[in-house]
Amino acid sequence: MKTTVENRFIWYNGEIVNVNDAKINVLAPTAQFGLNVFEGIPCYFNEEQKQLYAFRLDDHYERLLRSAEMLEINCPFSKDEMKKALIDAIKANEYDENLSVRQTLFVDGFGSWGAAEPVGMFVAPIPKRNTGKEYNKTGLNVCVSSWRRISEDMMSPRIKCGANYINSRMGQREALKNGYDTCVFLNRFGKLSEGPGSCLFIVQDKTLITPLLTDSVLESITRDTVIKIAPRLGFNAIERSIDKTELYTADEAFLCGSAMEITPILSVDGQKLNGGEAGFVTEKVHSEYLAVVKGEKIYSDIKITPVY
């Protein structure tokens, strides 16, 4: 690592700059209304190979472009340009550790919330150890939030945009205020949805169960990866709507996401799962996930990209 986090280099509108020199107009739609779409792209360092791997880049960029299209902002960048920007930003910092990379398309200029352009982009890598506390825990004590997850008929959870994360903020702040690490949301029909910035799995009789994408869930790349990994470990993985009481009575449960990785849920509303410890299935899936993202195991349907 070349600099401190506070002075790291980022890619900003075609240039590598010190993060403190990347300026956005305070009246820009991205600043006033959260009018941006973004990806959190995990990168994992393989110590033996001395190589950093970016995880499922094409899938992240396809989702980013879908988000931009649904939010109707005009993206001027190709996937190849996005990929080069990410690699250039990481190389500028000489990172040799696990990273979370924020890649954001934002509406700049002096327009209002209805503006579609001009659109800029920044790429800001950060060591995973410097991300939020909930993303660096070995287990989570969660609550079921009193706030409901946004739905397709109000603000689509399929769009990974800054404004949508205010919903996640409300649940997260409520959880912290009440002594929990984070929360899980119910959707408008009272079925389980997801956590703030993370997807939910419960485990029952060694079967992994996760809510449907139509249950107000982001189309998570990590969620999809877990579904791909599970059968290779001899576990079933199914998608269906889940009742709240199923979470309380689950053998195991975990949250997953690009930043969250795969983190076991130790208790829900004070009620312990698996005696308050990480479960066997969760640990097996997490271990396999780490082997895949670090390039120690190769799956033909899960692509990783070498940075160096």
C-alpha atoms as a PDB file:
ATOM      1  CA  MET A   1       0.000   0.000   0.000  1.00  0.00           C
ATOM      2  CA  LYS A   2       1.505   3.264  -1.181  1.00  0.00           C
ATOM      3  CA  THR A   3      -0.354   5.776   1.017  1.00  0.00           C
ATOM      4  CA  THR A   4      -2.722   6.023   3.964  1.00  0.00           C
ATOM      5  CA  VAL A   5      -6.425   5.508   3.358  1.00  0.00           C
ATOM      6  CA  GLU A   6      -6.984   9.228   3.928  1.00  0.00           C
ATOM      7  CA  ASN A   7      -4.566  10.015   1.091  1.00  0.00           C
ATOM      8  CA  ARG A   8      -5.169   7.107  -1.258  1.00  0.00           C
ATOM      9  CA  PHE A   9      -5.452   7.526  -5.000  1.00  0.00           C
ATOM     10  CA  ILE A  10      -8.725   7.148  -6.865  1.00  0.00           C
ATOM     11  CA  TRP A  11      -9.757   7.255 -10.508  1.00  0.00           C
ATOM     12  CA  TYR A  12     -11.880  10.330 -11.124  1.00  0.00           C
ATOM     13  CA  ASN A  13     -13.210  11.285 -14.561  1.00  0.00           C
ATOM     14  CA  GLY A  14     -10.197   9.970 -16.444  1.00  0.00           C
ATOM     15  CA  GLU A  15      -7.426  10.904 -14.010  1.00  0.00           C
ATOM     16  CA  ILE A  16      -5.706   9.313 -11.032  1.00  0.00           C
ATOM     17  CA  VAL A  17      -5.960  11.857  -8.217  1.00  0.00           C
ATOM     18  CA  ASN A  18      -5.587  12.085  -4.458  1.00  0.00           C
ATOM     19  CA  VAL A  19      -8.977  11.372  -2.923  1.00  0.00           C
ATOM     20  CA  ASN A  20      -8.930  14.839  -1.303  1.00  0.00           C
ATOM     21  CA  ASP A  21      -8.640  16.493  -4.709  1.00  0.00           C
ATOM     22  CA  ALA A  22     -11.720  14.802  -6.209  1.00  0.00           C
ATOM     23  CA  LYS A  23     -14.361  17.524  -6.027  1.00  0.00           C
ATOM     24  CA  ILE A  24     -18.073  17.393  -6.864  1.00  0.00           C
ATOM     25  CA  ASN A  25     -20.295  20.456  -7.028  1.00  0.00           C
ATOM     26  CA  VAL A  26     -22.510  20.600  -3.907  1.00  0.00           C
ATOM     27  CA  LEU A  27     -25.501  21.455  -6.121  1.00  0.00           C
ATOM     28  CA  ALA A  28     -24.999  18.452  -8.393  1.00  0.00           C
ATOM     29  CA  PRO A  29     -27.918  15.969  -8.461  1.00  0.00           C
ATOM     30  CA  THR A  30     -25.673  13.281  -6.977  1.00  0.00           C
ATOM     31  CA  ALA A  31     -25.000  15.477  -3.929  1.00  0.00           C
ATOM     32  CA  GLN A  32     -28.545  16.730  -3.475  1.00  0.00           C
ATOM     33  CA  PHE A  33     -30.605  13.664  -4.349  1.00  0.00           C
ATOM     34  CA  GLY A  34     -28.312  10.627  -4.282  1.00  0.00           C
ATOM     35  CA  LEU A  35     -28.646  10.441  -8.062  1.00  0.00           C
ATOM     36  CA  ASN A  36     -25.971   7.843  -8.720  1.00  0.00           C
ATOM     37  CA  VAL A  37     -25.567   4.116  -9.280  1.00  0.00           C
ATOM     38  CA  PHE A  38     -22.659   2.108  -7.979  1.00  0.00           C
ATOM     39  CA  GLU A  39     -21.000  -1.227  -7.422  1.00  0.00           C
ATOM     40  CA  GLY A  40     -18.987  -2.500  -4.495  1.00  0.00           C
ATOM     41  CA  ILE A  41     -16.476  -4.816  -6.143  1.00  0.00           C
ATOM     42  CA  PRO A  42     -14.506  -7.193  -3.902  1.00  0.00           C
ATOM     43  CA  CYS A  43     -10.889  -7.980  -4.756  1.00  0.00           C
ATOM     44  CA  TYR A  44      -8.929 -10.705  -2.960  1.00  0.00           C
ATOM     45  CA  PHE A  45      -5.177 -11.085  -2.637  1.00  0.00           C
ATOM     46  CA  ASN A  46      -3.603 -14.508  -3.124  1.00  0.00           C
ATOM     47  CA  GLU A  47      -0.440 -14.411  -1.037  1.00  0.00           C
ATOM     48  CA  GLU A  48       1.110 -17.481  -2.629  1.00  0.00           C
ATOM     49  CA  GLN A  49       0.574 -16.234  -6.175  1.00  0.00           C
ATOM     50  CA  LYS A  50       1.223 -12.566  -5.257  1.00  0.00           C
ATOM     51  CA  GLN A  51      -1.865 -11.765  -7.295  1.00  0.00           C
ATOM     52  CA  LEU A  52      -4.967  -9.682  -6.628  1.00  0.00           C
ATOM     53  CA  TYR A  53      -8.199 -10.976  -8.152  1.00  0.00           C
ATOM     54  CA  ALA A  54     -11.252  -8.825  -8.912  1.00  0.00           C
ATOM     55  CA  PHE A  55     -14.424 -10.838  -8.421  1.00  0.00           C
ATOM     56  CA  ARG A  56     -16.924 -11.310 -11.282  1.00  0.00           C
ATOM     57  CA  LEU A  57     -16.137  -7.967 -12.922  1.00  0.00           C
ATOM     58  CA  ASP A  58     -18.325  -8.475 -15.994  1.00  0.00           C
ATOM     59  CA  ASP A  59     -21.316  -9.323 -13.802  1.00  0.00           C
ATOM     60  CA  HIS A  60     -20.744  -6.228 -11.669  1.00  0.00           C
ATOM     61  CA  TYR A  61     -20.537  -3.992 -14.741  1.00  0.00           C
ATOM     62  CA  GLU A  62     -23.616  -5.528 -16.326  1.00  0.00           C
ATOM     63  CA  ARG A  63     -25.556  -4.804 -13.128  1.00  0.00           C
ATOM     64  CA  LEU A  64     -24.140  -1.272 -12.986  1.00  0.00           C
ATOM     65  CA  LEU A  65     -25.270  -0.572 -16.536  1.00  0.00           C
ATOM     66  CA  ARG A  66     -28.711  -2.061 -15.828  1.00  0.00           C
ATOM     67  CA  SER A  67     -29.031   0.205 -12.802  1.00  0.00           C
ATOM     68  CA  ALA A  68     -28.063   3.225 -14.905  1.00  0.00           C
ATOM     69  CA  GLU A  69     -30.600   2.249 -17.580  1.00  0.00           C
ATOM     70  CA  MET A  70     -33.426   1.749 -15.061  1.00  0.00           C
ATOM     71  CA  LEU A  71     -32.637   5.044 -13.340  1.00  0.00           C
ATOM     72  CA  GLU A  72     -32.409   6.656 -16.813  1.00  0.00           C
ATOM     73  CA  ILE A  73     -28.986   8.227 -16.488  1.00  0.00           C
ATOM     74  CA  ASN A  74     -26.795   8.307 -19.588  1.00  0.00           C
ATOM     75  CA  CYS A  75     -23.604   6.312 -19.042  1.00  0.00           C
ATOM     76  CA  PRO A  76     -20.760   7.423 -21.358  1.00  0.00           C
ATOM     77  CA  PHE A  77     -18.389   4.591 -20.328  1.00  0.00           C
ATOM     78  CA  SER A  78     -17.943   1.123 -21.816  1.00  0.00           C
ATOM     79  CA  LYS A  79     -17.303  -1.989 -19.707  1.00  0.00           C
ATOM     80  CA  ASP A  80     -13.700  -2.055 -20.945  1.00  0.00           C
ATOM     81  CA  GLU A  81     -13.213   1.556 -19.831  1.00  0.00           C
ATOM     82  CA  MET A  82     -14.710   0.729 -16.432  1.00  0.00           C
ATOM     83  CA  LYS A  83     -12.398  -2.244 -16.027  1.00  0.00           C
ATOM     84  CA  LYS A  84      -9.301  -0.239 -16.980  1.00  0.00           C
ATOM     85  CA  ALA A  85     -10.267   2.507 -14.513  1.00  0.00           C
ATOM     86  CA  LEU A  86     -10.556  -0.051 -11.696  1.00  0.00           C
ATOM     87  CA  ILE A  87      -7.206  -1.655 -12.476  1.00  0.00           C
ATOM     88  CA  ASP A  88      -5.471   1.716 -12.811  1.00  0.00           C
ATOM     89  CA  ALA A  89      -6.834   2.905  -9.451  1.00  0.00           C
ATOM     90  CA  ILE A  90      -5.690  -0.243  -7.644  1.00  0.00           C
ATOM     91  CA  LYS A  91      -2.247  -0.181  -9.261  1.00  0.00           C
ATOM     92  CA  ALA A  92      -1.785   3.481  -8.355  1.00  0.00           C
ATOM     93  CA  ASN A  93      -2.053   2.493  -4.685  1.00  0.00           C
ATOM     94  CA  GLU A  94       0.080  -0.671  -5.042  1.00  0.00           C
ATOM     95  CA  TYR A  95      -2.439  -2.654  -2.988  1.00  0.00           C
ATOM     96  CA  ASP A  96      -1.528  -6.202  -1.971  1.00  0.00           C
ATOM     97  CA  GLU A  97      -4.439  -7.018   0.326  1.00  0.00           C
ATOM     98  CA  ASN A  98      -8.168  -7.681   0.194  1.00  0.00           C
ATOM     99  CA  LEU A  99     -10.103  -4.677  -1.082  1.00  0.00           C
ATOM    100  CA  SER A 100     -13.571  -3.296  -1.517  1.00  0.00           C
ATOM    101  CA  VAL A 101     -13.747  -1.069  -4.589  1.00  0.00           C
ATOM    102  CA  ARG A 102     -16.522   1.492  -4.959  1.00  0.00           C
ATOM    103  CA  GLN A 103     -17.216   2.246  -8.613  1.00  0.00           C
ATOM    104  CA  THR A 104     -19.848   4.947  -9.047  1.00  0.00           C
ATOM    105  CA  LEU A 105     -21.595   6.642 -11.947  1.00  0.00           C
ATOM    106  CA  PHE A 106     -22.946   9.984 -10.763  1.00  0.00           C
ATOM    107  CA  VAL A 107     -25.005  12.814 -12.239  1.00  0.00           C
ATOM    108  CA  ASP A 108     -22.934  15.989 -12.046  1.00  0.00           C
ATOM    109  CA  GLY A 109     -23.604  19.539 -13.213  1.00  0.00           C
ATOM    110  CA  PHE A 110     -26.380  21.922 -12.133  1.00  0.00           C
ATOM    111  CA  GLY A 111     -29.465  19.887 -13.018  1.00  0.00           C
ATOM    112  CA  SER A 112     -32.178  18.726 -10.643  1.00  0.00           C
ATOM    113  CA  TRP A 113     -33.472  15.285  -9.648  1.00  0.00           C
ATOM    114  CA  GLY A 114     -34.822  14.813 -13.175  1.00  0.00           C
ATOM    115  CA  ALA A 115     -31.426  15.250 -14.870  1.00  0.00           C
ATOM    116  CA  ALA A 116     -29.910  12.400 -16.909  1.00  0.00           C
ATOM    117  CA  GLU A 117     -26.481  13.946 -17.531  1.00  0.00           C
ATOM    118  CA  PRO A 118     -23.650  14.924 -17.424  1.00  0.00           C
ATOM    119  CA  VAL A 119     -22.471  11.639 -15.913  1.00  0.00           C
ATOM    120  CA  GLY A 120     -19.080  11.241 -14.274  1.00  0.00           C
ATOM    121  CA  MET A 121     -17.405   8.242 -12.710  1.00  0.00           C
ATOM    122  CA  PHE A 122     -15.057   7.545  -9.837  1.00  0.00           C
ATOM    123  CA  VAL A 123     -13.323   4.378  -8.685  1.00  0.00           C
ATOM    124  CA  ALA A 124     -12.265   4.345  -5.034  1.00  0.00           C
ATOM    125  CA  PRO A 125     -10.539   1.234  -3.653  1.00  0.00           C
ATOM    126  CA  ILE A 126     -10.249   0.746   0.102  1.00  0.00           C
ATOM    127  CA  PRO A 127      -8.710  -2.101   2.139  1.00  0.00           C
ATOM    128  CA  LYS A 128     -11.452  -4.371   3.453  1.00  0.00           C
ATOM    129  CA  ARG A 129     -10.146  -3.934   7.007  1.00  0.00           C
ATOM    130  CA  ASN A 130     -11.042  -0.238   6.749  1.00  0.00           C
ATOM    131  CA  THR A 131     -14.692  -0.788   5.809  1.00  0.00           C
ATOM    132  CA  GLY A 132     -17.628  -0.644   8.269  1.00  0.00           C
ATOM    133  CA  LYS A 133     -17.618  -2.589  11.536  1.00  0.00           C
ATOM    134  CA  GLU A 134     -20.492  -4.842  10.495  1.00  0.00           C
ATOM    135  CA  TYR A 135     -18.404  -5.968   7.501  1.00  0.00           C
ATOM    136  CA  ASN A 136     -15.499  -7.116   9.663  1.00  0.00           C
ATOM    137  CA  LYS A 137     -17.303  -9.166  12.311  1.00  0.00           C
ATOM    138  CA  THR A 138     -17.094 -12.945  12.642  1.00  0.00           C
ATOM    139  CA  GLY A 139     -20.772 -13.164  13.633  1.00  0.00           C
ATOM    140  CA  LEU A 140     -23.819 -10.914  13.833  1.00  0.00           C
ATOM    141  CA  ASN A 141     -26.573 -10.325  16.369  1.00  0.00           C
ATOM    142  CA  VAL A 142     -29.493  -9.035  14.320  1.00  0.00           C
ATOM    143  CA  CYS A 143     -33.028  -7.787  14.793  1.00  0.00           C
ATOM    144  CA  VAL A 144     -36.026  -7.827  12.489  1.00  0.00           C
ATOM    145  CA  SER A 145     -36.451  -4.172  11.565  1.00  0.00           C
ATOM    146  CA  SER A 146     -39.682  -2.260  12.082  1.00  0.00           C
ATOM    147  CA  TRP A 147     -38.915  -0.578   8.735  1.00  0.00           C
ATOM    148  CA  ARG A 148     -40.077  -2.407   5.596  1.00  0.00           C
ATOM    149  CA  ARG A 149     -37.862  -2.990   2.577  1.00  0.00           C
ATOM    150  CA  ILE A 150     -38.585  -0.816  -0.462  1.00  0.00           C
ATOM    151  CA  SER A 151     -40.566  -2.563  -3.199  1.00  0.00           C
ATOM    152  CA  GLU A 152     -40.917  -2.545  -6.988  1.00  0.00           C
ATOM    153  CA  ASP A 153     -43.917  -0.218  -6.896  1.00  0.00           C
ATOM    154  CA  MET A 154     -42.077   2.545  -5.034  1.00  0.00           C
ATOM    155  CA  MET A 155     -38.259   2.464  -5.485  1.00  0.00           C
ATOM    156  CA  SER A 156     -37.051  -0.715  -7.153  1.00  0.00           C
ATOM    157  CA  PRO A 157     -34.548  -2.629  -4.999  1.00  0.00           C
ATOM    158  CA  ARG A 158     -33.069  -3.952  -8.253  1.00  0.00           C
ATOM    159  CA  ILE A 159     -31.500  -0.518  -8.815  1.00  0.00           C
ATOM    160  CA  LYS A 160     -28.266  -0.212  -6.873  1.00  0.00           C
ATOM    161  CA  CYS A 161     -28.391   3.546  -6.373  1.00  0.00           C
ATOM    162  CA  GLY A 162     -27.334   5.875  -3.591  1.00  0.00           C
ATOM    163  CA  ALA A 163     -30.856   7.085  -2.816  1.00  0.00           C
ATOM    164  CA  ASN A 164     -32.129   3.524  -2.219  1.00  0.00           C
ATOM    165  CA  TYR A 165     -29.635   3.063   0.600  1.00  0.00           C
ATOM    166  CA  ILE A 166     -31.514   5.518   2.809  1.00  0.00           C
ATOM    167  CA  ASN A 167     -33.902   2.600   3.360  1.00  0.00           C
ATOM    168  CA  SER A 168     -30.944   0.499   4.511  1.00  0.00           C
ATOM    169  CA  ARG A 169     -29.753   3.355   6.708  1.00  0.00           C
ATOM    170  CA  MET A 170     -33.065   3.535   8.575  1.00  0.00           C
ATOM    171  CA  GLY A 171     -32.933  -0.152   9.445  1.00  0.00           C
ATOM    172  CA  GLN A 172     -29.239  -0.089  10.325  1.00  0.00           C
ATOM    173  CA  ARG A 173     -29.549   2.958  12.589  1.00  0.00           C
ATOM    174  CA  GLU A 174     -32.518   1.402  14.382  1.00  0.00           C
ATOM    175  CA  ALA A 175     -30.534  -1.815  14.931  1.00  0.00           C
ATOM    176  CA  LEU A 176     -27.475  -0.013  16.321  1.00  0.00           C
ATOM    177  CA  LYS A 177     -29.616   2.158  18.585  1.00  0.00           C
ATOM    178  CA  ASN A 178     -31.153  -0.987  20.096  1.00  0.00           C
ATOM    179  CA  GLY A 179     -27.850  -2.783  20.641  1.00  0.00           C
ATOM    180  CA  TYR A 180     -27.740  -5.029  17.561  1.00  0.00           C
ATOM    181  CA  ASP A 181     -25.079  -5.293  14.860  1.00  0.00           C
ATOM    182  CA  THR A 182     -27.510  -4.987  11.975  1.00  0.00           C
ATOM    183  CA  CYS A 183     -31.017  -5.972  10.902  1.00  0.00           C
ATOM    184  CA  VAL A 184     -33.079  -7.906   8.399  1.00  0.00           C
ATOM    185  CA  PHE A 185     -36.072  -6.380   6.645  1.00  0.00           C
ATOM    186  CA  LEU A 186     -39.504  -7.714   5.886  1.00  0.00           C
ATOM    187  CA  ASN A 187     -41.065  -6.806   2.556  1.00  0.00           C
ATOM    188  CA  ARG A 188     -44.489  -5.205   2.180  1.00  0.00           C
ATOM    189  CA  PHE A 189     -46.137  -8.640   2.344  1.00  0.00           C
ATOM    190  CA  GLY A 190     -44.465  -9.497   5.664  1.00  0.00           C
ATOM    191  CA  LYS A 191     -42.009 -11.996   4.156  1.00  0.00           C
ATOM    192  CA  LEU A 192     -38.267 -11.867   4.812  1.00  0.00           C
ATOM    193  CA  SER A 193     -36.317  -9.755   2.351  1.00  0.00           C
ATOM    194  CA  GLU A 194     -32.653  -8.910   3.072  1.00  0.00           C
ATOM    195  CA  GLY A 195     -30.302  -6.972   5.321  1.00  0.00           C
ATOM    196  CA  PRO A 196     -28.880  -3.473   4.749  1.00  0.00           C
ATOM    197  CA  GLY A 197     -26.666  -4.020   1.721  1.00  0.00           C
ATOM    198  CA  SER A 198     -26.676  -7.801   2.144  1.00  0.00           C
ATOM    199  CA  CYS A 199     -28.764 -10.840   1.226  1.00  0.00           C
ATOM    200  CA  LEU A 200     -30.149 -13.447   3.604  1.00  0.00           C
ATOM    201  CA  PHE A 201     -29.878 -17.227   3.705  1.00  0.00           C
ATOM    202  CA  ILE A 202     -31.338 -19.550   6.291  1.00  0.00           C
ATOM    203  CA  VAL A 203     -30.239 -23.172   6.653  1.00  0.00           C
ATOM    204  CA  GLN A 204     -32.709 -25.913   7.476  1.00  0.00           C
ATOM    205  CA  ASP A 205     -31.684 -29.592   7.388  1.00  0.00           C
ATOM    206  CA  LYS A 206     -28.533 -28.638   5.425  1.00  0.00           C
ATOM    207  CA  THR A 207     -30.635 -26.911   2.755  1.00  0.00           C
ATOM    208  CA  LEU A 208     -29.833 -23.273   1.997  1.00  0.00           C
ATOM    209  CA  ILE A 209     -32.969 -21.168   1.520  1.00  0.00           C
ATOM    210  CA  THR A 210     -32.970 -17.573   0.288  1.00  0.00           C
ATOM    211  CA  PRO A 211     -35.845 -15.187  -0.559  1.00  0.00           C
ATOM    212  CA  LEU A 212     -36.986 -14.845  -4.155  1.00  0.00           C
ATOM    213  CA  LEU A 213     -35.674 -11.952  -6.226  1.00  0.00           C
ATOM    214  CA  THR A 214     -39.311 -10.781  -6.309  1.00  0.00           C
ATOM    215  CA  ASP A 215     -39.327 -10.509  -2.490  1.00  0.00           C
ATOM    216  CA  SER A 216     -37.763  -7.002  -2.649  1.00  0.00           C
ATOM    217  CA  VAL A 217     -34.222  -8.277  -2.991  1.00  0.00           C
ATOM    218  CA  LEU A 218     -31.245  -6.842  -4.874  1.00  0.00           C
ATOM    219  CA  GLU A 219     -29.954  -9.123  -7.636  1.00  0.00           C
ATOM    220  CA  SER A 220     -26.907  -9.906  -5.538  1.00  0.00           C
ATOM    221  CA  ILE A 221     -23.796 -11.350  -7.175  1.00  0.00           C
ATOM    222  CA  THR A 222     -22.684 -12.901  -3.887  1.00  0.00           C
ATOM    223  CA  ARG A 223     -26.124 -14.479  -3.435  1.00  0.00           C
ATOM    224  CA  ASP A 224     -25.845 -15.983  -6.911  1.00  0.00           C
ATOM    225  CA  THR A 225     -22.337 -17.236  -6.085  1.00  0.00           C
ATOM    226  CA  VAL A 226     -23.564 -18.999  -2.940  1.00  0.00           C
ATOM    227  CA  ILE A 227     -26.318 -20.682  -4.983  1.00  0.00           C
ATOM    228  CA  LYS A 228     -23.651 -21.897  -7.421  1.00  0.00           C
ATOM    229  CA  ILE A 229     -21.296 -23.097  -4.658  1.00  0.00           C
ATOM    230  CA  ALA A 230     -23.809 -24.979  -2.502  1.00  0.00           C
ATOM    231  CA  PRO A 231     -24.434 -28.000  -4.801  1.00  0.00           C
ATOM    232  CA  ARG A 232     -20.693 -28.528  -5.217  1.00  0.00           C
ATOM    233  CA  LEU A 233     -20.512 -29.010  -1.437  1.00  0.00           C
ATOM    234  CA  GLY A 234     -23.435 -31.433  -1.418  1.00  0.00           C
ATOM    235  CA  PHE A 235     -26.028 -28.920  -0.165  1.00  0.00           C
ATOM    236  CA  ASN A 236     -29.329 -28.008  -1.784  1.00  0.00           C
ATOM    237  CA  ALA A 237     -29.998 -24.320  -2.446  1.00  0.00           C
ATOM    238  CA  ILE A 238     -33.535 -23.122  -3.084  1.00  0.00           C
ATOM    239  CA  GLU A 239     -35.206 -19.754  -3.645  1.00  0.00           C
ATOM    240  CA  ARG A 240     -38.620 -19.186  -2.083  1.00  0.00           C
ATOM    241  CA  SER A 241     -40.485 -16.759   0.135  1.00  0.00           C
ATOM    242  CA  ILE A 242     -39.596 -17.142   3.828  1.00  0.00           C
ATOM    243  CA  ASP A 243     -41.741 -16.398   6.875  1.00  0.00           C
ATOM    244  CA  LYS A 244     -40.246 -14.482   9.802  1.00  0.00           C
ATOM    245  CA  THR A 245     -40.725 -17.417  12.182  1.00  0.00           C
ATOM    246  CA  GLU A 246     -38.587 -19.592   9.910  1.00  0.00           C
ATOM    247  CA  LEU A 247     -35.647 -17.343  10.691  1.00  0.00           C
ATOM    248  CA  TYR A 248     -36.177 -17.778  14.438  1.00  0.00           C
ATOM    249  CA  THR A 249     -36.295 -21.573  14.097  1.00  0.00           C
ATOM    250  CA  ALA A 250     -33.539 -21.994  11.477  1.00  0.00           C
ATOM    251  CA  ASP A 251     -30.607 -24.300  12.137  1.00  0.00           C
ATOM    252  CA  GLU A 252     -28.284 -21.578  10.855  1.00  0.00           C
ATOM    253  CA  ALA A 253     -28.513 -18.274   8.999  1.00  0.00           C
ATOM    254  CA  PHE A 254     -26.111 -15.842   7.389  1.00  0.00           C
ATOM    255  CA  LEU A 255     -25.952 -12.540   5.546  1.00  0.00           C
ATOM    256  CA  CYS A 256     -23.888 -12.234   2.391  1.00  0.00           C
ATOM    257  CA  GLY A 257     -22.759  -9.506   0.031  1.00  0.00           C
ATOM    258  CA  SER A 258     -19.711  -7.989  -1.629  1.00  0.00           C
ATOM    259  CA  ALA A 259     -18.762  -6.138   1.576  1.00  0.00           C
ATOM    260  CA  MET A 260     -20.447  -8.490   4.062  1.00  0.00           C
ATOM    261  CA  GLU A 261     -18.847 -11.539   2.431  1.00  0.00           C
ATOM    262  CA  ILE A 262     -20.544 -14.467   4.237  1.00  0.00           C
ATOM    263  CA  THR A 263     -21.148 -13.682   7.895  1.00  0.00           C
ATOM    264  CA  PRO A 264     -23.116 -15.974  10.237  1.00  0.00           C
ATOM    265  CA  ILE A 265     -26.115 -14.704  12.169  1.00  0.00           C
ATOM    266  CA  LEU A 266     -25.620 -15.676  15.801  1.00  0.00           C
ATOM    267  CA  SER A 267     -28.963 -14.452  17.133  1.00  0.00           C
ATOM    268  CA  VAL A 268     -32.220 -12.865  15.991  1.00  0.00           C
ATOM    269  CA  ASP A 269     -34.032 -10.498  18.357  1.00  0.00           C
ATOM    270  CA  GLY A 270     -31.992 -11.982  21.200  1.00  0.00           C
ATOM    271  CA  GLN A 271     -32.805 -15.591  20.300  1.00  0.00           C
ATOM    272  CA  LYS A 272     -29.679 -17.632  19.582  1.00  0.00           C
ATOM    273  CA  LEU A 273     -29.224 -19.695  16.444  1.00  0.00           C
ATOM    274  CA  ASN A 274     -27.042 -22.799  16.630  1.00  0.00           C
ATOM    275  CA  GLY A 275     -26.188 -21.981  20.251  1.00  0.00           C
ATOM    276  CA  GLY A 276     -24.920 -18.550  19.251  1.00  0.00           C
ATOM    277  CA  GLU A 277     -22.131 -19.959  17.048  1.00  0.00           C
ATOM    278  CA  ALA A 278     -21.404 -20.171  13.330  1.00  0.00           C
ATOM    279  CA  GLY A 279     -22.917 -23.299  11.829  1.00  0.00           C
ATOM    280  CA  PHE A 280     -21.221 -26.101   9.907  1.00  0.00           C
ATOM    281  CA  VAL A 281     -22.944 -25.332   6.593  1.00  0.00           C
ATOM    282  CA  THR A 282     -22.222 -21.602   6.839  1.00  0.00           C
ATOM    283  CA  GLU A 283     -18.544 -22.238   7.559  1.00  0.00           C
ATOM    284  CA  LYS A 284     -18.220 -24.723   4.694  1.00  0.00           C
ATOM    285  CA  VAL A 285     -19.809 -22.300   2.226  1.00  0.00           C
ATOM    286  CA  HIS A 286     -17.656 -19.412   3.474  1.00  0.00           C
ATOM    287  CA  SER A 287     -14.476 -21.458   3.199  1.00  0.00           C
ATOM    288  CA  GLU A 288     -15.318 -22.504  -0.360  1.00  0.00           C
ATOM    289  CA  TYR A 289     -16.222 -18.929  -1.272  1.00  0.00           C
ATOM    290  CA  LEU A 290     -12.828 -17.681  -0.095  1.00  0.00           C
ATOM    291  CA  ALA A 291     -11.036 -20.410  -2.044  1.00  0.00           C
ATOM    292  CA  VAL A 292     -12.876 -19.365  -5.215  1.00  0.00           C
ATOM    293  CA  VAL A 293     -12.394 -15.592  -4.892  1.00  0.00           C
ATOM    294  CA  LYS A 294      -8.679 -16.010  -4.161  1.00  0.00           C
ATOM    295  CA  GLY A 295      -8.129 -18.229  -7.202  1.00  0.00           C
ATOM    296  CA  GLU A 296      -7.329 -21.304  -5.130  1.00  0.00           C
ATOM    297  CA  LYS A 297     -10.231 -23.161  -6.752  1.00  0.00           C
ATOM    298  CA  ILE A 298     -11.406 -22.610 -10.299  1.00  0.00           C
ATOM    299  CA  TYR A 299     -15.090 -22.680 -11.221  1.00  0.00           C
ATOM    300  CA  SER A 300     -15.886 -22.332 -14.911  1.00  0.00           C
ATOM    301  CA  ASP A 301     -19.042 -20.324 -14.160  1.00  0.00           C
ATOM    302  CA  ILE A 302     -17.476 -17.963 -11.593  1.00  0.00           C
ATOM    303  CA  LYS A 303     -14.927 -15.654 -13.210  1.00  0.00           C
ATOM    304  CA  ILE A 304     -12.171 -13.765 -11.433  1.00  0.00           C
ATOM    305  CA  THR A 305      -9.879 -11.216 -13.087  1.00  0.00           C
ATOM    306  CA  PRO A 306      -6.171 -10.794 -12.216  1.00  0.00           C
ATOM    307  CA  VAL A 307      -5.258  -7.175 -11.538  1.00  0.00           C
ATOM    308  CA  TYR A 308      -1.450  -7.479 -11.687  1.00  0.00           C
END
